[in-house]
Amino acid sequence: MIANKDLAIATAKALKWNKIELEQRAAQHGRTIELEIKAILKSVLAPKKLGNIDLATAINRRFADFGDFEIPEIPREPMRPLPTFDL
């Protein structure tokens, strides 16, 4: 397993970030460079939250990639008469 410091150093090298920019960003957030890199990775890799949306909007977003399509109407029989409970 890679140590936290080694991971931070490897990540910074892999991202080819300017060390000064990374130090400034870490200082703005009151973190060390290692903790700043972890925070950046966590924010990027965390699942995105949809927020407070209603069910119809969530369904619309889920199926938006399929384009426009229509669901065929299902033929139905008339409703049966309602029962009466007269005594």
Protein backbone atom coordinates (compact mmCIF):
# COMPACT_ATOMS: atom_id res chain seq x y z
CA MET A 1 0.00 0.00 0.00
CA ILE A 2 1.21 3.49 -0.85
CA ALA A 3 1.75 5.86 2.06
CA ASN A 4 -0.35 9.04 2.10
CA LYS A 5 2.64 11.30 1.49
CA ASP A 6 3.85 9.14 -1.40
CA LEU A 7 0.37 9.24 -2.90
CA ALA A 8 0.24 13.02 -2.66
CA ILE A 9 3.66 13.41 -4.27
CA ALA A 10 2.82 10.94 -7.04
CA THR A 11 -0.50 12.66 -7.66
CA ALA A 12 1.07 16.10 -7.88
CA LYS A 13 3.67 14.83 -10.35
CA ALA A 14 1.07 12.96 -12.39
CA LEU A 15 -1.15 16.04 -12.64
CA LYS A 16 1.85 18.23 -13.54
CA TRP A 17 0.58 21.00 -11.32
CA ASN A 18 2.60 24.04 -10.64
CA LYS A 19 3.82 23.66 -7.08
CA ILE A 20 3.31 27.34 -6.31
CA GLU A 21 -0.34 27.23 -7.45
CA LEU A 22 -0.95 24.12 -5.38
CA GLU A 23 0.67 25.72 -2.32
CA GLN A 24 -1.47 28.86 -2.77
CA ARG A 25 -4.66 26.83 -3.09
CA ALA A 26 -3.75 24.78 0.00
CA ALA A 27 -3.01 27.97 1.96
CA GLN A 28 -6.37 29.48 0.94
CA HIS A 29 -8.12 26.45 2.36
CA GLY A 30 -5.86 26.14 5.40
CA ARG A 31 -4.53 22.73 4.39
CA THR A 32 -1.21 21.11 3.66
CA ILE A 33 -0.44 20.31 0.03
CA GLU A 34 -1.14 16.64 0.69
CA LEU A 35 -4.53 17.37 2.24
CA GLU A 36 -5.38 19.76 -0.60
CA ILE A 37 -4.64 17.06 -3.19
CA LYS A 38 -6.82 14.62 -1.25
CA ALA A 39 -9.64 17.17 -1.09
CA ILE A 40 -9.38 17.81 -4.84
CA LEU A 41 -9.45 14.11 -5.66
CA LYS A 42 -12.33 13.50 -3.26
CA SER A 43 -14.41 16.29 -4.81
CA VAL A 44 -13.76 15.03 -8.33
CA LEU A 45 -14.31 11.33 -7.61
CA ALA A 46 -17.31 11.68 -5.28
CA PRO A 47 -20.66 10.79 -6.82
CA LYS A 48 -22.56 13.83 -7.98
CA LYS A 49 -25.69 14.66 -6.03
CA LEU A 50 -28.75 15.62 -7.99
CA GLY A 51 -30.04 17.89 -5.28
CA ASN A 52 -33.68 18.41 -4.49
CA ILE A 53 -35.48 17.48 -7.68
CA ASP A 54 -38.88 15.98 -8.20
CA LEU A 55 -39.48 12.48 -9.53
CA ALA A 56 -40.58 13.63 -12.98
CA THR A 57 -37.38 15.63 -13.49
CA ALA A 58 -35.23 12.71 -12.32
CA ILE A 59 -36.97 10.34 -14.75
CA ASN A 60 -36.64 12.89 -17.56
CA ARG A 61 -32.88 13.24 -16.94
CA ARG A 62 -32.45 9.48 -16.74
CA PHE A 63 -34.04 8.82 -20.14
CA ALA A 64 -33.04 12.04 -21.96
CA ASP A 65 -30.32 10.25 -23.97
CA PHE A 66 -32.89 8.01 -25.64
CA GLY A 67 -34.42 10.94 -27.52
CA ASP A 68 -38.09 11.43 -28.23
CA PHE A 69 -40.24 8.34 -28.27
CA GLU A 70 -43.83 7.58 -27.51
CA ILE A 71 -45.17 4.79 -25.39
CA PRO A 72 -47.97 3.04 -27.27
CA GLU A 73 -51.39 3.36 -25.76
CA ILE A 74 -52.65 0.15 -24.20
CA PRO A 75 -56.21 -0.76 -25.20
CA ARG A 76 -58.42 -1.06 -22.15
CA GLU A 77 -61.83 -2.44 -21.41
CA PRO A 78 -64.50 -0.32 -19.77
CA MET A 79 -64.49 -0.33 -15.98
CA ARG A 80 -66.75 -2.82 -14.30
CA PRO A 81 -69.67 -1.51 -12.33
CA LEU A 82 -68.88 -0.55 -8.77
CA PRO A 83 -70.21 -2.94 -6.15
CA THR A 84 -72.96 -1.79 -3.86
CA PHE A 85 -73.04 -2.79 -0.25
CA ASP A 86 -76.71 -2.30 0.47
CA LEU A 87 -78.02 -4.39 3.28
